């Protein structure tokens, strides 16, 4: 199947998602402008490409998601939560979280391995989304050092997770728990995880058929959500497991 190339205009349309390849590749080209990125996410499409390659746009089938009210917290994670090991913040240092997600590192689980697609072009694009109030981060601090976190994109009442990192045991998992609980309080039902991983499955993520996922995304993105900087509007994290 031939891959569609996007037009120069930032609002040029994406092809229907059911035209994606079996691996989820839908289109190539275009740019990472604010307009195009928001249009993509509202249709269940995201960019994922290596530095110096053409921009590639994806809509995999099935799609992996977390339900914010159904995160699986294991016995070991419950024990870690009771120890209250980190200070949790939102949007306090988005740039540092992105840089940490992009940095080379050895992780214990595949889902947290270094991903070369978080390069300078992506960092610039998502920094612009953050400055516009659409991209957000969760930070885990220990002794005033950033030791874990997660970032993603929020449109309406839908959150699209992008990447997470952990320098201390359980830091990224606790950041995810904090994010899910805050989103649940705000009425966000889903966190997009993009593609299947065994690690995320153990944390309670599930797969949805693409058609169902896109339908829900379009509905949720049209609802009023929490825009702007989340640093001052989030509730203190309750460590009770």
C-alpha atoms as a PDB file:
ATOM      1  CA  UNK A   1       0.000   0.000   0.000  1.00  0.00           C
ATOM      2  CA  UNK A   2       1.351   3.427  -0.971  1.00  0.00           C
ATOM      3  CA  UNK A   3       1.938   5.870   1.898  1.00  0.00           C
ATOM      4  CA  UNK A   4       0.255   9.256   1.580  1.00  0.00           C
ATOM      5  CA  UNK A   5       2.455  12.364   1.622  1.00  0.00           C
ATOM      6  CA  UNK A   6       0.980  15.316   3.458  1.00  0.00           C
ATOM      7  CA  UNK A   7       0.588  18.720   1.872  1.00  0.00           C
ATOM      8  CA  UNK A   8       2.646  21.773   2.770  1.00  0.00           C
ATOM      9  CA  UNK A   9      -0.203  23.577   4.513  1.00  0.00           C
ATOM     10  CA  UNK A  10      -0.379  22.881   8.256  1.00  0.00           C
ATOM     11  CA  UNK A  11      -4.114  22.194   7.988  1.00  0.00           C
ATOM     12  CA  UNK A  12      -3.867  19.815   5.023  1.00  0.00           C
ATOM     13  CA  UNK A  13      -5.937  16.710   5.835  1.00  0.00           C
ATOM     14  CA  UNK A  14      -4.635  13.350   6.967  1.00  0.00           C
ATOM     15  CA  UNK A  15      -5.836  10.263   5.102  1.00  0.00           C
ATOM     16  CA  UNK A  16      -8.454   8.107   6.853  1.00  0.00           C
ATOM     17  CA  UNK A  17      -6.819   6.053   9.611  1.00  0.00           C
ATOM     18  CA  UNK A  18      -8.077   2.784   8.129  1.00  0.00           C
ATOM     19  CA  UNK A  19      -5.595   3.364   5.288  1.00  0.00           C
ATOM     20  CA  UNK A  20      -2.654   2.755   7.653  1.00  0.00           C
ATOM     21  CA  UNK A  21      -0.380  -0.222   7.030  1.00  0.00           C
ATOM     22  CA  UNK A  22      -0.568  -3.324   9.205  1.00  0.00           C
ATOM     23  CA  UNK A  23       2.173  -1.758  11.351  1.00  0.00           C
ATOM     24  CA  UNK A  24       0.167   1.448  11.747  1.00  0.00           C
ATOM     25  CA  UNK A  25       2.082   3.751   9.381  1.00  0.00           C
ATOM     26  CA  UNK A  26      -0.414   6.191   7.884  1.00  0.00           C
ATOM     27  CA  UNK A  27       1.413   9.082   6.222  1.00  0.00           C
ATOM     28  CA  UNK A  28       4.716  10.892   5.796  1.00  0.00           C
ATOM     29  CA  UNK A  29       5.861  14.464   5.385  1.00  0.00           C
ATOM     30  CA  UNK A  30       4.316  17.685   6.577  1.00  0.00           C
ATOM     31  CA  UNK A  31       5.673  19.427   9.643  1.00  0.00           C
ATOM     32  CA  UNK A  32       5.363  19.470  13.424  1.00  0.00           C
ATOM     33  CA  UNK A  33       3.495  22.749  13.667  1.00  0.00           C
ATOM     34  CA  UNK A  34       1.045  23.289  16.494  1.00  0.00           C
ATOM     35  CA  UNK A  35      -1.918  23.159  14.105  1.00  0.00           C
ATOM     36  CA  UNK A  36      -0.864  19.908  12.457  1.00  0.00           C
ATOM     37  CA  UNK A  37      -0.012  18.162  15.734  1.00  0.00           C
ATOM     38  CA  UNK A  38      -3.349  19.064  17.305  1.00  0.00           C
ATOM     39  CA  UNK A  39      -5.201  17.928  14.180  1.00  0.00           C
ATOM     40  CA  UNK A  40      -3.299  14.647  14.295  1.00  0.00           C
ATOM     41  CA  UNK A  41      -3.961  13.882  17.947  1.00  0.00           C
ATOM     42  CA  UNK A  42      -7.659  14.674  17.598  1.00  0.00           C
ATOM     43  CA  UNK A  43      -7.823  11.902  14.975  1.00  0.00           C
ATOM     44  CA  UNK A  44      -5.786   9.343  16.917  1.00  0.00           C
ATOM     45  CA  UNK A  45      -2.599   9.981  14.905  1.00  0.00           C
ATOM     46  CA  UNK A  46       0.878  10.698  16.280  1.00  0.00           C
ATOM     47  CA  UNK A  47       4.377  11.384  14.860  1.00  0.00           C
ATOM     48  CA  UNK A  48       7.206   8.913  15.408  1.00  0.00           C
ATOM     49  CA  UNK A  49      10.407   9.054  13.360  1.00  0.00           C
ATOM     50  CA  UNK A  50      14.176   9.086  13.683  1.00  0.00           C
ATOM     51  CA  UNK A  51      16.241  12.237  13.385  1.00  0.00           C
ATOM     52  CA  UNK A  52      17.017  13.247   9.778  1.00  0.00           C
ATOM     53  CA  UNK A  53      14.299  10.934   8.422  1.00  0.00           C
ATOM     54  CA  UNK A  54      11.010  12.170   6.951  1.00  0.00           C
ATOM     55  CA  UNK A  55       8.278  12.813   9.499  1.00  0.00           C
ATOM     56  CA  UNK A  56       6.179   9.650   9.847  1.00  0.00           C
ATOM     57  CA  UNK A  57       2.601   9.600  11.154  1.00  0.00           C
ATOM     58  CA  UNK A  58       1.091   6.540  12.834  1.00  0.00           C
ATOM     59  CA  UNK A  59      -2.290   5.163  13.830  1.00  0.00           C
ATOM     60  CA  UNK A  60      -1.751   1.570  15.018  1.00  0.00           C
ATOM     61  CA  UNK A  61      -4.447  -1.058  15.373  1.00  0.00           C
ATOM     62  CA  UNK A  62      -5.107  -2.052  18.088  1.00  0.00           C
ATOM     63  CA  UNK A  63      -4.322   0.889  20.374  1.00  0.00           C
ATOM     64  CA  UNK A  64      -3.111   0.492  23.945  1.00  0.00           C
ATOM     65  CA  UNK A  65      -4.698   2.642  26.652  1.00  0.00           C
ATOM     66  CA  UNK A  66      -4.977   3.000  30.400  1.00  0.00           C
ATOM     67  CA  UNK A  67      -8.349   3.535  31.988  1.00  0.00           C
ATOM     68  CA  UNK A  68      -7.623   6.114  34.683  1.00  0.00           C
ATOM     69  CA  UNK A  69      -9.867   4.301  37.163  1.00  0.00           C
ATOM     70  CA  UNK A  70      -8.331   0.872  36.523  1.00  0.00           C
ATOM     71  CA  UNK A  71      -4.571   1.168  36.993  1.00  0.00           C
ATOM     72  CA  UNK A  72      -3.097  -2.057  38.377  1.00  0.00           C
ATOM     73  CA  UNK A  73      -1.004  -1.370  41.477  1.00  0.00           C
ATOM     74  CA  UNK A  74       1.033  -4.431  42.444  1.00  0.00           C
ATOM     75  CA  UNK A  75       1.920  -5.376  46.012  1.00  0.00           C
ATOM     76  CA  UNK A  76       5.465  -4.111  45.540  1.00  0.00           C
ATOM     77  CA  UNK A  77       4.227  -0.799  44.131  1.00  0.00           C
ATOM     78  CA  UNK A  78       1.769  -0.424  47.010  1.00  0.00           C
ATOM     79  CA  UNK A  79       4.684  -0.912  49.395  1.00  0.00           C
ATOM     80  CA  UNK A  80       6.688   1.725  47.519  1.00  0.00           C
ATOM     81  CA  UNK A  81       3.761   4.156  47.656  1.00  0.00           C
ATOM     82  CA  UNK A  82       3.491   3.743  51.424  1.00  0.00           C
ATOM     83  CA  UNK A  83       7.131   4.800  51.734  1.00  0.00           C
ATOM     84  CA  UNK A  84       6.356   8.141  50.010  1.00  0.00           C
ATOM     85  CA  UNK A  85       9.757   8.233  48.317  1.00  0.00           C
ATOM     86  CA  UNK A  86       9.267  11.223  45.991  1.00  0.00           C
ATOM     87  CA  UNK A  87       7.883  14.736  45.839  1.00  0.00           C
ATOM     88  CA  UNK A  88       5.420  14.849  42.923  1.00  0.00           C
ATOM     89  CA  UNK A  89       4.856  17.937  40.771  1.00  0.00           C
ATOM     90  CA  UNK A  90       3.083  18.749  37.507  1.00  0.00           C
ATOM     91  CA  UNK A  91       4.550  21.027  34.810  1.00  0.00           C
ATOM     92  CA  UNK A  92       7.343  22.211  37.081  1.00  0.00           C
ATOM     93  CA  UNK A  93      10.099  21.314  34.596  1.00  0.00           C
ATOM     94  CA  UNK A  94       8.670  20.042  31.327  1.00  0.00           C
ATOM     95  CA  UNK A  95      11.934  20.608  29.472  1.00  0.00           C
ATOM     96  CA  UNK A  96      13.952  18.538  31.922  1.00  0.00           C
ATOM     97  CA  UNK A  97      11.485  15.653  31.668  1.00  0.00           C
ATOM     98  CA  UNK A  98      11.702  15.634  27.870  1.00  0.00           C
ATOM     99  CA  UNK A  99      15.485  15.790  27.949  1.00  0.00           C
ATOM    100  CA  UNK A 100      15.612  12.925  30.444  1.00  0.00           C
ATOM    101  CA  UNK A 101      13.291  10.821  28.278  1.00  0.00           C
ATOM    102  CA  UNK A 102      15.571  11.500  25.306  1.00  0.00           C
ATOM    103  CA  UNK A 103      18.862  10.793  27.102  1.00  0.00           C
ATOM    104  CA  UNK A 104      20.692   7.478  26.539  1.00  0.00           C
ATOM    105  CA  UNK A 105      20.112   5.142  29.437  1.00  0.00           C
ATOM    106  CA  UNK A 106      19.929   1.493  30.350  1.00  0.00           C
ATOM    107  CA  UNK A 107      16.528   0.513  31.730  1.00  0.00           C
ATOM    108  CA  UNK A 108      15.293  -2.658  33.365  1.00  0.00           C
ATOM    109  CA  UNK A 109      12.199  -2.830  31.161  1.00  0.00           C
ATOM    110  CA  UNK A 110      11.884  -2.375  27.380  1.00  0.00           C
ATOM    111  CA  UNK A 111       9.181   0.291  27.667  1.00  0.00           C
ATOM    112  CA  UNK A 112      11.672   2.599  29.353  1.00  0.00           C
ATOM    113  CA  UNK A 113      14.596   2.105  26.990  1.00  0.00           C
ATOM    114  CA  UNK A 114      16.085   5.063  25.160  1.00  0.00           C
ATOM    115  CA  UNK A 115      13.964   6.016  22.170  1.00  0.00           C
ATOM    116  CA  UNK A 116      15.881   7.798  19.425  1.00  0.00           C
ATOM    117  CA  UNK A 117      12.746   9.478  18.130  1.00  0.00           C
ATOM    118  CA  UNK A 118      12.900  12.074  20.939  1.00  0.00           C
ATOM    119  CA  UNK A 119      15.350  14.276  19.064  1.00  0.00           C
ATOM    120  CA  UNK A 120      15.752  18.039  18.781  1.00  0.00           C
ATOM    121  CA  UNK A 121      12.925  18.491  16.267  1.00  0.00           C
ATOM    122  CA  UNK A 122      10.494  16.617  18.510  1.00  0.00           C
ATOM    123  CA  UNK A 123      11.697  18.434  21.632  1.00  0.00           C
ATOM    124  CA  UNK A 124      11.121  21.805  19.948  1.00  0.00           C
ATOM    125  CA  UNK A 125       7.636  20.787  18.764  1.00  0.00           C
ATOM    126  CA  UNK A 126       6.464  19.481  22.133  1.00  0.00           C
ATOM    127  CA  UNK A 127       7.991  22.428  23.955  1.00  0.00           C
ATOM    128  CA  UNK A 128       5.796  24.632  21.752  1.00  0.00           C
ATOM    129  CA  UNK A 129       2.793  22.451  22.660  1.00  0.00           C
ATOM    130  CA  UNK A 130       3.685  22.876  26.339  1.00  0.00           C
ATOM    131  CA  UNK A 131       3.984  26.638  25.997  1.00  0.00           C
ATOM    132  CA  UNK A 132       0.561  26.664  24.328  1.00  0.00           C
ATOM    133  CA  UNK A 133      -0.916  24.715  27.263  1.00  0.00           C
ATOM    134  CA  UNK A 134      -1.352  21.335  25.548  1.00  0.00           C
ATOM    135  CA  UNK A 135       1.694  19.294  26.603  1.00  0.00           C
ATOM    136  CA  UNK A 136       2.287  18.465  30.256  1.00  0.00           C
ATOM    137  CA  UNK A 137       4.720  16.672  32.513  1.00  0.00           C
ATOM    138  CA  UNK A 138       4.736  14.893  35.851  1.00  0.00           C
ATOM    139  CA  UNK A 139       7.952  15.052  37.861  1.00  0.00           C
ATOM    140  CA  UNK A 140       9.278  12.867  40.686  1.00  0.00           C
ATOM    141  CA  UNK A 141      11.836  14.623  42.883  1.00  0.00           C
ATOM    142  CA  UNK A 142      14.154  13.166  45.504  1.00  0.00           C
ATOM    143  CA  UNK A 143      16.405  15.498  47.493  1.00  0.00           C
ATOM    144  CA  UNK A 144      15.597  18.222  44.927  1.00  0.00           C
ATOM    145  CA  UNK A 145      16.848  16.006  42.093  1.00  0.00           C
ATOM    146  CA  UNK A 146      14.603  14.963  39.204  1.00  0.00           C
ATOM    147  CA  UNK A 147      14.546  11.151  39.328  1.00  0.00           C
ATOM    148  CA  UNK A 148      11.540  10.204  37.213  1.00  0.00           C
ATOM    149  CA  UNK A 149       8.663  11.507  35.173  1.00  0.00           C
ATOM    150  CA  UNK A 150       6.295  11.270  32.260  1.00  0.00           C
ATOM    151  CA  UNK A 151       5.053  13.687  29.603  1.00  0.00           C
ATOM    152  CA  UNK A 152       2.255  13.782  27.084  1.00  0.00           C
ATOM    153  CA  UNK A 153      -0.423  15.828  25.355  1.00  0.00           C
ATOM    154  CA  UNK A 154      -3.829  16.838  26.709  1.00  0.00           C
ATOM    155  CA  UNK A 155      -6.706  17.891  24.439  1.00  0.00           C
ATOM    156  CA  UNK A 156     -10.156  18.260  25.928  1.00  0.00           C
ATOM    157  CA  UNK A 157     -10.577  15.324  28.301  1.00  0.00           C
ATOM    158  CA  UNK A 158      -8.110  13.028  26.532  1.00  0.00           C
ATOM    159  CA  UNK A 159      -4.482  12.501  27.539  1.00  0.00           C
ATOM    160  CA  UNK A 160      -1.940  11.060  25.102  1.00  0.00           C
ATOM    161  CA  UNK A 161       1.093   9.630  26.887  1.00  0.00           C
ATOM    162  CA  UNK A 162       4.393  10.036  25.051  1.00  0.00           C
ATOM    163  CA  UNK A 163       7.310   8.798  27.146  1.00  0.00           C
ATOM    164  CA  UNK A 164       8.540   8.277  30.690  1.00  0.00           C
ATOM    165  CA  UNK A 165      11.858   7.797  32.444  1.00  0.00           C
ATOM    166  CA  UNK A 166      13.140   6.544  35.768  1.00  0.00           C
ATOM    167  CA  UNK A 167      16.457   7.117  37.518  1.00  0.00           C
ATOM    168  CA  UNK A 168      15.205   5.536  40.748  1.00  0.00           C
ATOM    169  CA  UNK A 169      13.213   2.342  41.242  1.00  0.00           C
ATOM    170  CA  UNK A 170       9.460   2.870  40.691  1.00  0.00           C
ATOM    171  CA  UNK A 171       9.822   6.581  39.868  1.00  0.00           C
ATOM    172  CA  UNK A 172       8.136   6.366  36.459  1.00  0.00           C
ATOM    173  CA  UNK A 173       5.433   4.051  37.821  1.00  0.00           C
ATOM    174  CA  UNK A 174       4.635   6.467  40.645  1.00  0.00           C
ATOM    175  CA  UNK A 175       4.555   9.348  38.152  1.00  0.00           C
ATOM    176  CA  UNK A 176       2.027   7.338  36.127  1.00  0.00           C
ATOM    177  CA  UNK A 177      -0.085   6.660  39.223  1.00  0.00           C
ATOM    178  CA  UNK A 178      -0.044  10.373  40.072  1.00  0.00           C
ATOM    179  CA  UNK A 179      -1.056  11.281  36.522  1.00  0.00           C
ATOM    180  CA  UNK A 180      -3.871   8.721  36.374  1.00  0.00           C
ATOM    181  CA  UNK A 181      -5.311   9.813  39.715  1.00  0.00           C
ATOM    182  CA  UNK A 182      -5.224  13.493  38.796  1.00  0.00           C
ATOM    183  CA  UNK A 183      -6.810  12.866  35.407  1.00  0.00           C
ATOM    184  CA  UNK A 184      -9.514  10.728  37.016  1.00  0.00           C
ATOM    185  CA  UNK A 185     -10.335  13.605  39.382  1.00  0.00           C
ATOM    186  CA  UNK A 186     -10.775  15.852  36.339  1.00  0.00           C
ATOM    187  CA  UNK A 187     -12.983  13.364  34.482  1.00  0.00           C
ATOM    188  CA  UNK A 188     -10.412  12.118  31.959  1.00  0.00           C
ATOM    189  CA  UNK A 189     -11.190   8.416  31.390  1.00  0.00           C
ATOM    190  CA  UNK A 190      -8.253   7.372  29.170  1.00  0.00           C
ATOM    191  CA  UNK A 191      -4.490   7.684  28.756  1.00  0.00           C
ATOM    192  CA  UNK A 192      -3.244   6.713  25.303  1.00  0.00           C
ATOM    193  CA  UNK A 193      -0.161   4.448  25.384  1.00  0.00           C
ATOM    194  CA  UNK A 194       0.087   4.152  21.572  1.00  0.00           C
ATOM    195  CA  UNK A 195       1.391   0.590  21.084  1.00  0.00           C
ATOM    196  CA  UNK A 196       1.314  -2.630  23.067  1.00  0.00           C
ATOM    197  CA  UNK A 197       4.037  -3.426  25.575  1.00  0.00           C
ATOM    198  CA  UNK A 198       4.110  -6.216  28.136  1.00  0.00           C
ATOM    199  CA  UNK A 199       5.366  -3.776  30.766  1.00  0.00           C
ATOM    200  CA  UNK A 200       2.361  -1.475  30.363  1.00  0.00           C
ATOM    201  CA  UNK A 201       0.028  -4.463  30.234  1.00  0.00           C
ATOM    202  CA  UNK A 202       1.238  -5.520  33.683  1.00  0.00           C
ATOM    203  CA  UNK A 203       0.320  -2.054  34.939  1.00  0.00           C
ATOM    204  CA  UNK A 204      -3.246  -2.494  33.702  1.00  0.00           C
ATOM    205  CA  UNK A 205      -3.144  -1.132  30.155  1.00  0.00           C
ATOM    206  CA  UNK A 206      -5.559  -2.689  27.670  1.00  0.00           C
ATOM    207  CA  UNK A 207      -5.968  -2.674  23.903  1.00  0.00           C
ATOM    208  CA  UNK A 208      -8.826  -1.145  21.947  1.00  0.00           C
ATOM    209  CA  UNK A 209      -9.697  -1.635  18.287  1.00  0.00           C
ATOM    210  CA  UNK A 210      -8.574   1.460  16.380  1.00  0.00           C
ATOM    211  CA  UNK A 211     -12.124   2.315  15.300  1.00  0.00           C
ATOM    212  CA  UNK A 212     -13.332   2.337  18.907  1.00  0.00           C
ATOM    213  CA  UNK A 213     -10.277   4.271  20.080  1.00  0.00           C
ATOM    214  CA  UNK A 214     -10.623   6.987  17.436  1.00  0.00           C
ATOM    215  CA  UNK A 215     -14.341   7.343  18.144  1.00  0.00           C
ATOM    216  CA  UNK A 216     -13.657   7.890  21.841  1.00  0.00           C
ATOM    217  CA  UNK A 217     -10.771  10.265  21.130  1.00  0.00           C
ATOM    218  CA  UNK A 218     -12.923  12.454  18.900  1.00  0.00           C
ATOM    219  CA  UNK A 219     -15.606  12.656  21.578  1.00  0.00           C
ATOM    220  CA  UNK A 220     -13.210  13.306  24.465  1.00  0.00           C
ATOM    221  CA  UNK A 221     -11.158  15.909  22.597  1.00  0.00           C
ATOM    222  CA  UNK A 222     -14.329  17.932  21.990  1.00  0.00           C
ATOM    223  CA  UNK A 223     -15.057  18.238  25.722  1.00  0.00           C
ATOM    224  CA  UNK A 224     -13.749  21.082  27.906  1.00  0.00           C
ATOM    225  CA  UNK A 225     -10.591  20.000  29.710  1.00  0.00           C
ATOM    226  CA  UNK A 226      -7.727  21.407  31.748  1.00  0.00           C
ATOM    227  CA  UNK A 227      -5.593  23.656  29.548  1.00  0.00           C
ATOM    228  CA  UNK A 228      -2.744  25.971  30.449  1.00  0.00           C
ATOM    229  CA  UNK A 229      -0.057  25.201  33.013  1.00  0.00           C
ATOM    230  CA  UNK A 230      -0.981  22.439  35.458  1.00  0.00           C
ATOM    231  CA  UNK A 231       1.527  23.445  38.115  1.00  0.00           C
ATOM    232  CA  UNK A 232      -0.953  25.417  40.220  1.00  0.00           C
ATOM    233  CA  UNK A 233      -4.214  23.551  39.543  1.00  0.00           C
ATOM    234  CA  UNK A 234      -3.256  19.986  40.449  1.00  0.00           C
ATOM    235  CA  UNK A 235      -4.062  18.488  43.835  1.00  0.00           C
ATOM    236  CA  UNK A 236      -1.284  17.287  46.185  1.00  0.00           C
ATOM    237  CA  UNK A 237      -0.552  13.644  45.429  1.00  0.00           C
ATOM    238  CA  UNK A 238      -2.147  11.242  47.887  1.00  0.00           C
ATOM    239  CA  UNK A 239       0.287   8.395  48.437  1.00  0.00           C
ATOM    240  CA  UNK A 240      -2.367   6.093  49.880  1.00  0.00           C
ATOM    241  CA  UNK A 241      -2.325   3.032  47.567  1.00  0.00           C
END
